[in-house]
Amino acid sequence: MTSEDGHGVAGDGSATIRVLLAEDQSMVREALAALLGLEPDMEVVAQAARGDEVLAAARAHAVDVALLDIEMPGCTGIEAAAELHAACPDVKIVILTTFGRPGYLRSAMESGADAFLVKDAPAAQLAAAVRKVLAGERVIDPTLAAAALAEGANPLTDREREVLRAAADGATNAELAAALHLSQGTVRNYLSTAIQKLAVRNRTEAVRTARDKGWL
């Protein structure tokens, strides 16, 4: 059934929850879509394989909830969440990830996400989370919440994170300086400060540590 505003209607007469699913792995995306499609009050009305497709898809299909993976081409799910939250604040956002990193949780909440769950959560738990965020609740995996509290805040500044991300592919200081429009001395200073803050020996370890904690 379809209501006058174009939204579906569940068998009991209530409005169907319109879901956008963004996940770059097609098999995972299709499996999640199939599982959510079994719920009597939900319909996956849009799918995206890239983070930079999320906002357009959400607008085109008038979605109620967006389920976003973190690791996607185009932009991350966290970046897509921030863009979607700014443009469509009424759309609820659920971040799904295989990476249970404390820093991701903090970044997700700051981006406007309403829920943060790991992908291997049971389908019933995911469906329940969708209903809860629509009811105005915030849903966070308890294990990740505890880890985030124990880990503390990201010690890196935005610029230090930018330089570390750019250094991840092994670029030289000269290449980093050219790419980021900074002097080589400034690049060295940012890298040195990041290495000190993370208590590691070199930039390679700094990148790995920051990634493992979800700070990049």
C-alpha atoms as a PDB file:
ATOM      1  CA  MET A   1       0.000   0.000   0.000  1.00  0.00           C
ATOM      2  CA  THR A   2       1.051   3.610  -0.573  1.00  0.00           C
ATOM      3  CA  SER A   3      -0.007   6.711   1.319  1.00  0.00           C
ATOM      4  CA  GLU A   4      -0.888  10.046  -0.301  1.00  0.00           C
ATOM      5  CA  ASP A   5       2.611  11.427   0.370  1.00  0.00           C
ATOM      6  CA  GLY A   6       4.250   8.557  -1.496  1.00  0.00           C
ATOM      7  CA  HIS A   7       5.384   6.677   1.580  1.00  0.00           C
ATOM      8  CA  GLY A   8       4.536   3.032   1.913  1.00  0.00           C
ATOM      9  CA  VAL A   9       2.108   1.682   4.463  1.00  0.00           C
ATOM     10  CA  ALA A  10       2.759  -1.457   6.490  1.00  0.00           C
ATOM     11  CA  GLY A  11       0.208  -4.206   6.831  1.00  0.00           C
ATOM     12  CA  ASP A  12      -1.085  -2.817  10.124  1.00  0.00           C
ATOM     13  CA  GLY A  13      -1.716   0.595   8.591  1.00  0.00           C
ATOM     14  CA  SER A  14       1.391   2.306   9.992  1.00  0.00           C
ATOM     15  CA  ALA A  15       3.865   4.108   7.732  1.00  0.00           C
ATOM     16  CA  THR A  16       6.654   1.962   6.335  1.00  0.00           C
ATOM     17  CA  ILE A  17      10.151   3.029   7.371  1.00  0.00           C
ATOM     18  CA  ARG A  18      12.038   4.045   4.230  1.00  0.00           C
ATOM     19  CA  VAL A  19      15.675   2.960   4.440  1.00  0.00           C
ATOM     20  CA  LEU A  20      18.784   3.951   2.489  1.00  0.00           C
ATOM     21  CA  LEU A  21      21.598   1.406   2.611  1.00  0.00           C
ATOM     22  CA  ALA A  22      25.116   2.562   1.694  1.00  0.00           C
ATOM     23  CA  GLU A  23      27.778  -0.160   1.498  1.00  0.00           C
ATOM     24  CA  ASP A  24      30.473  -0.630  -1.128  1.00  0.00           C
ATOM     25  CA  GLN A  25      30.546  -4.442  -0.981  1.00  0.00           C
ATOM     26  CA  SER A  26      27.598  -5.557  -3.103  1.00  0.00           C
ATOM     27  CA  MET A  27      27.167  -8.957  -1.432  1.00  0.00           C
ATOM     28  CA  VAL A  28      27.037  -7.422   2.030  1.00  0.00           C
ATOM     29  CA  ARG A  29      24.701  -4.668   0.846  1.00  0.00           C
ATOM     30  CA  GLU A  30      22.320  -7.107  -0.803  1.00  0.00           C
ATOM     31  CA  ALA A  31      22.334  -9.395   2.233  1.00  0.00           C
ATOM     32  CA  LEU A  32      21.500  -6.514   4.566  1.00  0.00           C
ATOM     33  CA  ALA A  33      18.802  -5.288   2.196  1.00  0.00           C
ATOM     34  CA  ALA A  34      17.251  -8.754   2.104  1.00  0.00           C
ATOM     35  CA  LEU A  35      17.276  -9.067   5.884  1.00  0.00           C
ATOM     36  CA  LEU A  36      15.746  -5.653   6.436  1.00  0.00           C
ATOM     37  CA  GLY A  37      13.198  -6.371   3.717  1.00  0.00           C
ATOM     38  CA  LEU A  38      11.842  -9.187   5.869  1.00  0.00           C
ATOM     39  CA  GLU A  39      10.796  -6.672   8.500  1.00  0.00           C
ATOM     40  CA  PRO A  40       7.083  -5.868   8.077  1.00  0.00           C
ATOM     41  CA  ASP A  41       7.520  -2.154   8.732  1.00  0.00           C
ATOM     42  CA  MET A  42      10.657  -1.485   6.674  1.00  0.00           C
ATOM     43  CA  GLU A  43      11.560  -1.079   3.014  1.00  0.00           C
ATOM     44  CA  VAL A  44      15.016  -0.506   1.536  1.00  0.00           C
ATOM     45  CA  VAL A  45      14.093   2.117  -1.060  1.00  0.00           C
ATOM     46  CA  ALA A  46      17.621   3.167  -2.051  1.00  0.00           C
ATOM     47  CA  GLN A  47      21.106   1.701  -2.150  1.00  0.00           C
ATOM     48  CA  ALA A  48      24.499   3.332  -2.669  1.00  0.00           C
ATOM     49  CA  ALA A  49      27.971   1.913  -3.208  1.00  0.00           C
ATOM     50  CA  ARG A  50      29.839   5.181  -2.590  1.00  0.00           C
ATOM     51  CA  GLY A  51      29.847   7.705   0.197  1.00  0.00           C
ATOM     52  CA  ASP A  52      29.456  10.622  -2.201  1.00  0.00           C
ATOM     53  CA  GLU A  53      26.184   9.126  -3.513  1.00  0.00           C
ATOM     54  CA  VAL A  54      24.445   9.169  -0.130  1.00  0.00           C
ATOM     55  CA  LEU A  55      22.988  12.684  -0.031  1.00  0.00           C
ATOM     56  CA  ALA A  56      21.514  12.567  -3.548  1.00  0.00           C
ATOM     57  CA  ALA A  57      19.998   9.135  -2.914  1.00  0.00           C
ATOM     58  CA  ALA A  58      18.496  10.221   0.404  1.00  0.00           C
ATOM     59  CA  ARG A  59      16.891  13.252  -1.202  1.00  0.00           C
ATOM     60  CA  ALA A  60      15.652  11.405  -4.273  1.00  0.00           C
ATOM     61  CA  HIS A  61      13.930   8.685  -2.267  1.00  0.00           C
ATOM     62  CA  ALA A  62      12.717  10.654   0.763  1.00  0.00           C
ATOM     63  CA  VAL A  63      14.299   8.237   3.194  1.00  0.00           C
ATOM     64  CA  ASP A  64      13.645   8.126   6.917  1.00  0.00           C
ATOM     65  CA  VAL A  65      16.825   6.329   7.963  1.00  0.00           C
ATOM     66  CA  ALA A  66      20.263   5.997   6.331  1.00  0.00           C
ATOM     67  CA  LEU A  67      22.458   3.019   7.177  1.00  0.00           C
ATOM     68  CA  LEU A  68      26.042   3.908   6.283  1.00  0.00           C
ATOM     69  CA  ASP A  69      29.186   1.805   6.165  1.00  0.00           C
ATOM     70  CA  ILE A  70      32.353   3.648   7.211  1.00  0.00           C
ATOM     71  CA  GLU A  71      34.862   2.457   4.610  1.00  0.00           C
ATOM     72  CA  MET A  72      33.515   3.522   1.198  1.00  0.00           C
ATOM     73  CA  PRO A  73      34.991   5.133  -1.921  1.00  0.00           C
ATOM     74  CA  GLY A  74      34.124   8.735  -2.674  1.00  0.00           C
ATOM     75  CA  CYS A  75      34.032   9.662   0.995  1.00  0.00           C
ATOM     76  CA  THR A  76      33.734   7.777   4.251  1.00  0.00           C
ATOM     77  CA  GLY A  77      30.442   6.987   5.892  1.00  0.00           C
ATOM     78  CA  ILE A  78      31.318   9.439   8.653  1.00  0.00           C
ATOM     79  CA  GLU A  79      31.909  12.227   6.117  1.00  0.00           C
ATOM     80  CA  ALA A  80      28.691  11.268   4.325  1.00  0.00           C
ATOM     81  CA  ALA A  81      26.854  11.336   7.657  1.00  0.00           C
ATOM     82  CA  ALA A  82      28.016  14.885   8.351  1.00  0.00           C
ATOM     83  CA  GLU A  83      26.911  16.034   4.889  1.00  0.00           C
ATOM     84  CA  LEU A  84      23.548  14.290   5.195  1.00  0.00           C
ATOM     85  CA  HIS A  85      22.923  15.582   8.708  1.00  0.00           C
ATOM     86  CA  ALA A  86      23.610  19.158   7.628  1.00  0.00           C
ATOM     87  CA  ALA A  87      21.371  18.970   4.548  1.00  0.00           C
ATOM     88  CA  CYS A  88      18.604  16.662   5.837  1.00  0.00           C
ATOM     89  CA  PRO A  89      18.543  16.891   9.647  1.00  0.00           C
ATOM     90  CA  ASP A  90      15.307  14.888   9.890  1.00  0.00           C
ATOM     91  CA  VAL A  91      16.945  11.789   8.381  1.00  0.00           C
ATOM     92  CA  LYS A  92      18.193   9.452  11.098  1.00  0.00           C
ATOM     93  CA  ILE A  93      21.671   8.014  10.595  1.00  0.00           C
ATOM     94  CA  VAL A  94      22.957   4.602  11.626  1.00  0.00           C
ATOM     95  CA  ILE A  95      26.672   3.916  11.159  1.00  0.00           C
ATOM     96  CA  LEU A  96      27.581   0.284  10.506  1.00  0.00           C
ATOM     97  CA  THR A  97      31.159  -0.924  10.575  1.00  0.00           C
ATOM     98  CA  THR A  98      33.355  -3.977  10.735  1.00  0.00           C
ATOM     99  CA  PHE A  99      35.949  -1.813  12.457  1.00  0.00           C
ATOM    100  CA  GLY A 100      35.188  -1.516  16.155  1.00  0.00           C
ATOM    101  CA  ARG A 101      37.557   1.394  16.697  1.00  0.00           C
ATOM    102  CA  PRO A 102      36.822   3.808  19.541  1.00  0.00           C
ATOM    103  CA  GLY A 103      37.811   6.875  17.520  1.00  0.00           C
ATOM    104  CA  TYR A 104      35.274   6.007  14.840  1.00  0.00           C
ATOM    105  CA  LEU A 105      32.506   6.056  17.416  1.00  0.00           C
ATOM    106  CA  ARG A 106      33.415   9.517  18.632  1.00  0.00           C
ATOM    107  CA  SER A 107      33.744  10.831  15.054  1.00  0.00           C
ATOM    108  CA  ALA A 108      30.423   9.264  14.088  1.00  0.00           C
ATOM    109  CA  MET A 109      28.570  10.911  16.953  1.00  0.00           C
ATOM    110  CA  GLU A 110      30.172  14.265  16.158  1.00  0.00           C
ATOM    111  CA  SER A 111      29.045  13.904  12.529  1.00  0.00           C
ATOM    112  CA  GLY A 112      25.405  13.635  13.573  1.00  0.00           C
ATOM    113  CA  ALA A 113      24.941   9.861  13.658  1.00  0.00           C
ATOM    114  CA  ASP A 114      22.141   8.533  15.842  1.00  0.00           C
ATOM    115  CA  ALA A 115      23.463   4.984  16.152  1.00  0.00           C
ATOM    116  CA  PHE A 116      26.729   3.111  15.826  1.00  0.00           C
ATOM    117  CA  LEU A 117      26.703  -0.665  15.410  1.00  0.00           C
ATOM    118  CA  VAL A 118      29.048  -3.364  14.185  1.00  0.00           C
ATOM    119  CA  LYS A 119      27.962  -5.197  11.049  1.00  0.00           C
ATOM    120  CA  ASP A 120      27.920  -8.624  12.665  1.00  0.00           C
ATOM    121  CA  ALA A 121      25.108  -7.568  14.996  1.00  0.00           C
ATOM    122  CA  PRO A 122      22.002  -9.758  14.594  1.00  0.00           C
ATOM    123  CA  ALA A 123      19.444  -8.532  12.055  1.00  0.00           C
ATOM    124  CA  ALA A 124      16.834  -8.185  14.799  1.00  0.00           C
ATOM    125  CA  GLN A 125      19.176  -5.862  16.705  1.00  0.00           C
ATOM    126  CA  LEU A 126      19.739  -3.729  13.611  1.00  0.00           C
ATOM    127  CA  ALA A 127      16.005  -3.487  12.935  1.00  0.00           C
ATOM    128  CA  ALA A 128      15.390  -2.575  16.573  1.00  0.00           C
ATOM    129  CA  ALA A 129      18.038   0.154  16.321  1.00  0.00           C
ATOM    130  CA  VAL A 130      16.311   1.629  13.269  1.00  0.00           C
ATOM    131  CA  ARG A 131      13.030   1.820  15.167  1.00  0.00           C
ATOM    132  CA  LYS A 132      14.697   3.312  18.241  1.00  0.00           C
ATOM    133  CA  VAL A 133      16.440   6.135  16.362  1.00  0.00           C
ATOM    134  CA  LEU A 134      13.142   7.026  14.710  1.00  0.00           C
ATOM    135  CA  ALA A 135      11.678   7.246  18.193  1.00  0.00           C
ATOM    136  CA  GLY A 136      14.381   9.740  19.131  1.00  0.00           C
ATOM    137  CA  GLU A 137      16.743   7.384  20.931  1.00  0.00           C
ATOM    138  CA  ARG A 138      20.481   7.018  20.434  1.00  0.00           C
ATOM    139  CA  VAL A 139      21.828   3.486  20.011  1.00  0.00           C
ATOM    140  CA  ILE A 140      25.486   2.640  20.581  1.00  0.00           C
ATOM    141  CA  ASP A 141      27.148  -0.751  20.755  1.00  0.00           C
ATOM    142  CA  PRO A 142      27.962  -1.045  24.490  1.00  0.00           C
ATOM    143  CA  THR A 143      31.374  -2.625  23.952  1.00  0.00           C
ATOM    144  CA  LEU A 144      32.430   0.185  21.639  1.00  0.00           C
ATOM    145  CA  ALA A 145      31.045   2.799  24.020  1.00  0.00           C
ATOM    146  CA  ALA A 146      33.134   1.407  26.878  1.00  0.00           C
ATOM    147  CA  ALA A 147      36.246   1.279  24.689  1.00  0.00           C
ATOM    148  CA  ALA A 148      35.740   4.864  23.533  1.00  0.00           C
ATOM    149  CA  LEU A 149      35.471   6.104  27.098  1.00  0.00           C
ATOM    150  CA  ALA A 150      38.617   4.219  28.066  1.00  0.00           C
ATOM    151  CA  GLU A 151      40.549   5.500  25.039  1.00  0.00           C
ATOM    152  CA  GLY A 152      39.788   9.156  25.499  1.00  0.00           C
ATOM    153  CA  ALA A 153      39.648  11.900  22.899  1.00  0.00           C
ATOM    154  CA  ASN A 154      41.665  12.065  19.696  1.00  0.00           C
ATOM    155  CA  PRO A 155      44.873  13.957  20.587  1.00  0.00           C
ATOM    156  CA  LEU A 156      45.626  14.908  16.978  1.00  0.00           C
ATOM    157  CA  THR A 157      44.649  18.239  15.492  1.00  0.00           C
ATOM    158  CA  ASP A 158      42.852  18.407  12.157  1.00  0.00           C
ATOM    159  CA  ARG A 159      46.059  19.480  10.419  1.00  0.00           C
ATOM    160  CA  GLU A 160      48.096  16.678  12.010  1.00  0.00           C
ATOM    161  CA  ARG A 161      45.496  14.171  10.854  1.00  0.00           C
ATOM    162  CA  GLU A 162      45.580  15.651   7.350  1.00  0.00           C
ATOM    163  CA  VAL A 163      49.371  15.337   7.162  1.00  0.00           C
ATOM    164  CA  LEU A 164      49.316  11.763   8.509  1.00  0.00           C
ATOM    165  CA  ARG A 165      46.655  10.731   6.009  1.00  0.00           C
ATOM    166  CA  ALA A 166      48.712  12.199   3.194  1.00  0.00           C
ATOM    167  CA  ALA A 167      51.843  10.435   4.493  1.00  0.00           C
ATOM    168  CA  ALA A 168      50.148   7.043   4.567  1.00  0.00           C
ATOM    169  CA  ASP A 169      51.235   6.193   1.016  1.00  0.00           C
ATOM    170  CA  GLY A 170      54.898   6.851   1.743  1.00  0.00           C
ATOM    171  CA  ALA A 171      55.189  10.314   0.233  1.00  0.00           C
ATOM    172  CA  THR A 172      58.351  12.286   0.978  1.00  0.00           C
ATOM    173  CA  ASN A 173      58.265  15.520   2.962  1.00  0.00           C
ATOM    174  CA  ALA A 174      58.753  17.437  -0.275  1.00  0.00           C
ATOM    175  CA  GLU A 175      55.811  15.657  -1.886  1.00  0.00           C
ATOM    176  CA  LEU A 176      53.654  16.234   1.193  1.00  0.00           C
ATOM    177  CA  ALA A 177      54.577  19.911   1.254  1.00  0.00           C
ATOM    178  CA  ALA A 178      53.634  20.330  -2.406  1.00  0.00           C
ATOM    179  CA  ALA A 179      50.357  18.417  -2.036  1.00  0.00           C
ATOM    180  CA  LEU A 180      49.283  20.260   1.110  1.00  0.00           C
ATOM    181  CA  HIS A 181      50.654  23.675   0.150  1.00  0.00           C
ATOM    182  CA  LEU A 182      52.921  23.803   3.196  1.00  0.00           C
ATOM    183  CA  SER A 183      56.652  24.260   3.684  1.00  0.00           C
ATOM    184  CA  GLN A 184      58.747  21.146   4.262  1.00  0.00           C
ATOM    185  CA  GLY A 185      59.646  22.451   7.707  1.00  0.00           C
ATOM    186  CA  THR A 186      55.984  22.766   8.630  1.00  0.00           C
ATOM    187  CA  VAL A 187      55.316  19.235   7.410  1.00  0.00           C
ATOM    188  CA  ARG A 188      58.201  17.940   9.524  1.00  0.00           C
ATOM    189  CA  ASN A 189      56.842  19.759  12.559  1.00  0.00           C
ATOM    190  CA  TYR A 190      53.354  18.307  12.151  1.00  0.00           C
ATOM    191  CA  LEU A 191      54.728  14.785  11.702  1.00  0.00           C
ATOM    192  CA  SER A 192      57.062  15.155  14.674  1.00  0.00           C
ATOM    193  CA  THR A 193      54.268  16.405  16.923  1.00  0.00           C
ATOM    194  CA  ALA A 194      51.946  13.575  15.849  1.00  0.00           C
ATOM    195  CA  ILE A 195      54.670  10.992  16.499  1.00  0.00           C
ATOM    196  CA  GLN A 196      55.230  12.405  19.983  1.00  0.00           C
ATOM    197  CA  LYS A 197      51.529  12.498  20.832  1.00  0.00           C
ATOM    198  CA  LEU A 198      51.061   8.887  19.747  1.00  0.00           C
ATOM    199  CA  ALA A 199      54.212   7.734  21.565  1.00  0.00           C
ATOM    200  CA  VAL A 200      55.597   5.929  18.511  1.00  0.00           C
ATOM    201  CA  ARG A 201      58.954   5.887  16.760  1.00  0.00           C
ATOM    202  CA  ASN A 202      58.210   7.067  13.228  1.00  0.00           C
ATOM    203  CA  ARG A 203      55.555   8.222  10.793  1.00  0.00           C
ATOM    204  CA  THR A 204      54.704   4.680   9.673  1.00  0.00           C
ATOM    205  CA  GLU A 205      53.879   3.670  13.226  1.00  0.00           C
ATOM    206  CA  ALA A 206      52.004   6.931  13.723  1.00  0.00           C
ATOM    207  CA  VAL A 207      49.763   6.240  10.722  1.00  0.00           C
ATOM    208  CA  ARG A 208      49.136   2.655  11.838  1.00  0.00           C
ATOM    209  CA  THR A 209      48.374   3.630  15.435  1.00  0.00           C
ATOM    210  CA  ALA A 210      46.049   6.469  14.449  1.00  0.00           C
ATOM    211  CA  ARG A 211      44.188   4.196  12.047  1.00  0.00           C
ATOM    212  CA  ASP A 212      43.875   1.399  14.585  1.00  0.00           C
ATOM    213  CA  LYS A 213      42.296   3.816  17.030  1.00  0.00           C
ATOM    214  CA  GLY A 214      39.992   5.292  14.383  1.00  0.00           C
ATOM    215  CA  TRP A 215      41.593   8.731  14.588  1.00  0.00           C
ATOM    216  CA  LEU A 216      42.269   9.160  10.853  1.00  0.00           C
END
